[in-house]
Amino acid sequence: MENFVDVASPQELADHYGYTPAASELAAERAYFAAEKDHNLVCLYSLALDRGDTAAAEAYLRQIESPERRLEAEMLAGELVEA
């Protein structure tokens, strides 16, 4: 599975975190996303939406196993659309 840290551009990472993370922080985040697959998918879902790729976003959304995380992602998407 793709890892959010590896897929996002440097600018997208800065936008996500609110600053440009150091390499050591990104390594820790990469490990976290590898272990927390649903959280990784939520971030990939929002990234795909930001990029305007609704097909990829829907594919990521369908892979989220936790109903709570899936709902969180859908609510986040609603906030992104409103903004």
N, C-alpha and C. Protein backbone atom coordinates (compact mmCIF):
# COMPACT_ATOMS: atom_id res chain seq x y z
N MET A 1 0.84 -1.18 0.00
CA MET A 1 0.00 0.00 0.00
C MET A 1 0.89 1.24 0.00
N GLU A 2 0.40 2.26 -0.66
CA GLU A 2 1.13 3.53 -0.69
C GLU A 2 1.13 4.17 0.71
N ASN A 3 2.18 4.89 0.99
CA ASN A 3 2.30 5.59 2.26
C ASN A 3 2.14 7.08 1.99
N PHE A 4 1.28 7.72 2.76
CA PHE A 4 0.99 9.14 2.58
C PHE A 4 2.27 9.97 2.47
N VAL A 5 3.24 9.71 3.32
CA VAL A 5 4.48 10.49 3.35
C VAL A 5 5.23 10.38 2.02
N ASP A 6 5.14 9.21 1.40
CA ASP A 6 5.85 9.00 0.14
C ASP A 6 5.10 9.54 -1.07
N VAL A 7 3.80 9.65 -0.97
CA VAL A 7 2.97 10.08 -2.09
C VAL A 7 2.84 11.60 -2.15
N ALA A 8 2.73 12.23 -1.00
CA ALA A 8 2.54 13.69 -0.95
C ALA A 8 3.80 14.42 -1.38
N SER A 9 3.61 15.51 -2.09
CA SER A 9 4.74 16.36 -2.48
C SER A 9 5.25 17.12 -1.25
N PRO A 10 6.44 17.70 -1.32
CA PRO A 10 6.93 18.50 -0.19
C PRO A 10 5.95 19.62 0.19
N GLN A 11 5.32 20.26 -0.79
CA GLN A 11 4.37 21.32 -0.48
C GLN A 11 3.11 20.75 0.18
N GLU A 12 2.66 19.60 -0.29
CA GLU A 12 1.48 18.97 0.31
C GLU A 12 1.77 18.53 1.74
N LEU A 13 2.98 18.05 1.99
CA LEU A 13 3.36 17.70 3.36
C LEU A 13 3.37 18.93 4.25
N ALA A 14 3.93 20.02 3.75
CA ALA A 14 3.95 21.27 4.52
C ALA A 14 2.53 21.76 4.80
N ASP A 15 1.65 21.64 3.82
CA ASP A 15 0.25 22.04 4.02
C ASP A 15 -0.42 21.14 5.06
N HIS A 16 -0.15 19.85 5.00
CA HIS A 16 -0.76 18.89 5.93
C HIS A 16 -0.32 19.15 7.37
N TYR A 17 0.98 19.35 7.57
CA TYR A 17 1.51 19.51 8.92
C TYR A 17 1.51 20.96 9.40
N GLY A 18 1.39 21.89 8.50
CA GLY A 18 1.44 23.29 8.89
C GLY A 18 2.86 23.84 8.93
N TYR A 19 3.83 23.04 8.57
CA TYR A 19 5.25 23.41 8.50
C TYR A 19 5.96 22.33 7.69
N THR A 20 7.20 22.55 7.38
CA THR A 20 7.97 21.56 6.64
C THR A 20 8.67 20.63 7.63
N PRO A 21 8.23 19.38 7.71
CA PRO A 21 8.82 18.46 8.68
C PRO A 21 10.26 18.08 8.32
N ALA A 22 11.05 17.86 9.34
CA ALA A 22 12.43 17.40 9.15
C ALA A 22 12.41 15.95 8.69
N ALA A 23 13.50 15.51 8.11
CA ALA A 23 13.61 14.14 7.61
C ALA A 23 13.34 13.12 8.71
N SER A 24 13.82 13.38 9.92
CA SER A 24 13.60 12.44 11.03
C SER A 24 12.11 12.35 11.39
N GLU A 25 11.42 13.49 11.32
CA GLU A 25 9.98 13.48 11.58
C GLU A 25 9.24 12.69 10.50
N LEU A 26 9.66 12.88 9.26
CA LEU A 26 9.02 12.15 8.16
C LEU A 26 9.26 10.66 8.29
N ALA A 27 10.42 10.26 8.74
CA ALA A 27 10.70 8.83 8.94
C ALA A 27 9.77 8.25 10.00
N ALA A 28 9.59 9.00 11.08
CA ALA A 28 8.68 8.54 12.14
C ALA A 28 7.23 8.49 11.64
N GLU A 29 6.85 9.48 10.87
CA GLU A 29 5.49 9.51 10.31
C GLU A 29 5.28 8.37 9.32
N ARG A 30 6.29 8.08 8.53
CA ARG A 30 6.22 6.97 7.57
C ARG A 30 5.95 5.66 8.32
N ALA A 31 6.66 5.44 9.41
CA ALA A 31 6.47 4.23 10.22
C ALA A 31 5.07 4.22 10.84
N TYR A 32 4.63 5.37 11.31
CA TYR A 32 3.29 5.47 11.91
C TYR A 32 2.22 5.12 10.88
N PHE A 33 2.30 5.71 9.69
CA PHE A 33 1.30 5.44 8.66
C PHE A 33 1.35 3.98 8.22
N ALA A 34 2.52 3.36 8.22
CA ALA A 34 2.62 1.95 7.86
C ALA A 34 1.90 1.08 8.89
N ALA A 35 1.97 1.49 10.16
CA ALA A 35 1.32 0.73 11.23
C ALA A 35 -0.17 1.04 11.34
N GLU A 36 -0.56 2.26 11.06
CA GLU A 36 -1.95 2.70 11.19
C GLU A 36 -2.56 2.85 9.80
N LYS A 37 -2.92 1.73 9.21
CA LYS A 37 -3.34 1.70 7.81
C LYS A 37 -4.58 2.56 7.54
N ASP A 38 -5.56 2.53 8.44
CA ASP A 38 -6.76 3.33 8.21
C ASP A 38 -6.45 4.82 8.25
N HIS A 39 -5.59 5.24 9.17
CA HIS A 39 -5.23 6.66 9.22
C HIS A 39 -4.48 7.06 7.94
N ASN A 40 -3.61 6.18 7.48
CA ASN A 40 -2.90 6.41 6.22
C ASN A 40 -3.92 6.59 5.08
N LEU A 41 -4.93 5.72 5.04
CA LEU A 41 -5.93 5.80 3.98
C LEU A 41 -6.76 7.08 4.07
N VAL A 42 -7.06 7.54 5.28
CA VAL A 42 -7.78 8.81 5.44
C VAL A 42 -6.95 9.95 4.85
N CYS A 43 -5.66 9.95 5.14
CA CYS A 43 -4.79 11.01 4.61
C CYS A 43 -4.65 10.91 3.09
N LEU A 44 -4.53 9.69 2.57
CA LEU A 44 -4.47 9.51 1.12
C LEU A 44 -5.78 9.94 0.46
N TYR A 45 -6.89 9.64 1.11
CA TYR A 45 -8.21 10.05 0.62
C TYR A 45 -8.30 11.57 0.51
N SER A 46 -7.91 12.27 1.57
CA SER A 46 -7.99 13.74 1.53
C SER A 46 -7.00 14.32 0.52
N LEU A 47 -5.84 13.69 0.38
CA LEU A 47 -4.86 14.14 -0.60
C LEU A 47 -5.43 14.00 -2.02
N ALA A 48 -6.05 12.87 -2.29
CA ALA A 48 -6.64 12.65 -3.62
C ALA A 48 -7.75 13.68 -3.88
N LEU A 49 -8.55 13.97 -2.87
CA LEU A 49 -9.59 14.98 -3.03
C LEU A 49 -8.99 16.35 -3.32
N ASP A 50 -7.93 16.70 -2.59
CA ASP A 50 -7.25 17.98 -2.82
C ASP A 50 -6.71 18.08 -4.24
N ARG A 51 -6.30 16.94 -4.78
CA ARG A 51 -5.76 16.91 -6.13
C ARG A 51 -6.86 16.83 -7.19
N GLY A 52 -8.11 16.68 -6.75
CA GLY A 52 -9.23 16.60 -7.69
C GLY A 52 -9.40 15.22 -8.30
N ASP A 53 -8.79 14.20 -7.72
CA ASP A 53 -8.87 12.84 -8.23
C ASP A 53 -9.92 12.06 -7.45
N THR A 54 -11.18 12.24 -7.82
CA THR A 54 -12.27 11.62 -7.07
C THR A 54 -12.27 10.10 -7.19
N ALA A 55 -11.82 9.56 -8.31
CA ALA A 55 -11.77 8.11 -8.47
C ALA A 55 -10.79 7.49 -7.47
N ALA A 56 -9.61 8.08 -7.35
CA ALA A 56 -8.63 7.58 -6.39
C ALA A 56 -9.14 7.77 -4.96
N ALA A 57 -9.77 8.91 -4.70
CA ALA A 57 -10.31 9.18 -3.36
C ALA A 57 -11.32 8.10 -2.98
N GLU A 58 -12.22 7.78 -3.88
CA GLU A 58 -13.23 6.75 -3.60
C GLU A 58 -12.57 5.39 -3.38
N ALA A 59 -11.53 5.10 -4.12
CA ALA A 59 -10.81 3.83 -3.95
C ALA A 59 -10.18 3.76 -2.56
N TYR A 60 -9.59 4.85 -2.11
CA TYR A 60 -9.01 4.88 -0.76
C TYR A 60 -10.11 4.75 0.28
N LEU A 61 -11.21 5.45 0.10
CA LEU A 61 -12.31 5.42 1.06
C LEU A 61 -12.84 3.99 1.23
N ARG A 62 -12.99 3.26 0.14
CA ARG A 62 -13.52 1.89 0.21
C ARG A 62 -12.58 0.95 0.97
N GLN A 63 -11.30 1.28 1.05
CA GLN A 63 -10.33 0.42 1.73
C GLN A 63 -10.29 0.64 3.25
N ILE A 64 -10.88 1.72 3.72
CA ILE A 64 -10.84 2.02 5.16
C ILE A 64 -11.73 1.01 5.88
N GLU A 65 -11.13 0.24 6.78
CA GLU A 65 -11.86 -0.83 7.46
C GLU A 65 -12.74 -0.33 8.59
N SER A 66 -12.27 0.61 9.36
CA SER A 66 -13.01 1.09 10.52
C SER A 66 -14.17 1.99 10.07
N PRO A 67 -15.40 1.66 10.47
CA PRO A 67 -16.53 2.52 10.12
C PRO A 67 -16.37 3.95 10.66
N GLU A 68 -15.76 4.05 11.85
CA GLU A 68 -15.55 5.37 12.45
C GLU A 68 -14.57 6.20 11.62
N ARG A 69 -13.50 5.56 11.19
CA ARG A 69 -12.51 6.27 10.36
C ARG A 69 -13.10 6.65 9.01
N ARG A 70 -13.93 5.76 8.45
CA ARG A 70 -14.56 6.06 7.16
C ARG A 70 -15.48 7.27 7.31
N LEU A 71 -16.25 7.31 8.39
CA LEU A 71 -17.12 8.45 8.64
C LEU A 71 -16.30 9.72 8.84
N GLU A 72 -15.20 9.61 9.57
CA GLU A 72 -14.30 10.75 9.77
C GLU A 72 -13.82 11.29 8.42
N ALA A 73 -13.45 10.39 7.53
CA ALA A 73 -12.97 10.81 6.21
C ALA A 73 -14.07 11.50 5.42
N GLU A 74 -15.26 10.96 5.47
CA GLU A 74 -16.38 11.55 4.74
C GLU A 74 -16.74 12.92 5.30
N MET A 75 -16.66 13.07 6.62
CA MET A 75 -16.93 14.37 7.24
C MET A 75 -15.85 15.37 6.86
N LEU A 76 -14.61 14.93 6.82
CA LEU A 76 -13.51 15.79 6.41
C LEU A 76 -13.71 16.25 4.98
N ALA A 77 -14.15 15.34 4.13
CA ALA A 77 -14.40 15.70 2.73
C ALA A 77 -15.48 16.78 2.64
N GLY A 78 -16.50 16.67 3.47
CA GLY A 78 -17.55 17.69 3.50
C GLY A 78 -17.01 19.05 3.91
N GLU A 79 -16.09 19.06 4.88
CA GLU A 79 -15.48 20.31 5.31
C GLU A 79 -14.61 20.89 4.22
N LEU A 80 -13.89 20.04 3.49
CA LEU A 80 -13.03 20.52 2.41
C LEU A 80 -13.87 21.15 1.29
N VAL A 81 -15.01 20.56 1.02
CA VAL A 81 -15.88 21.08 -0.04
C VAL A 81 -16.45 22.45 0.37
N GLU A 82 -16.79 22.59 1.65
CA GLU A 82 -17.37 23.83 2.14
C GLU A 82 -16.35 24.96 2.18
N ALA A 83 -15.07 24.62 2.37
CA ALA A 83 -14.02 25.65 2.53
C ALA A 83 -13.68 26.36 1.27
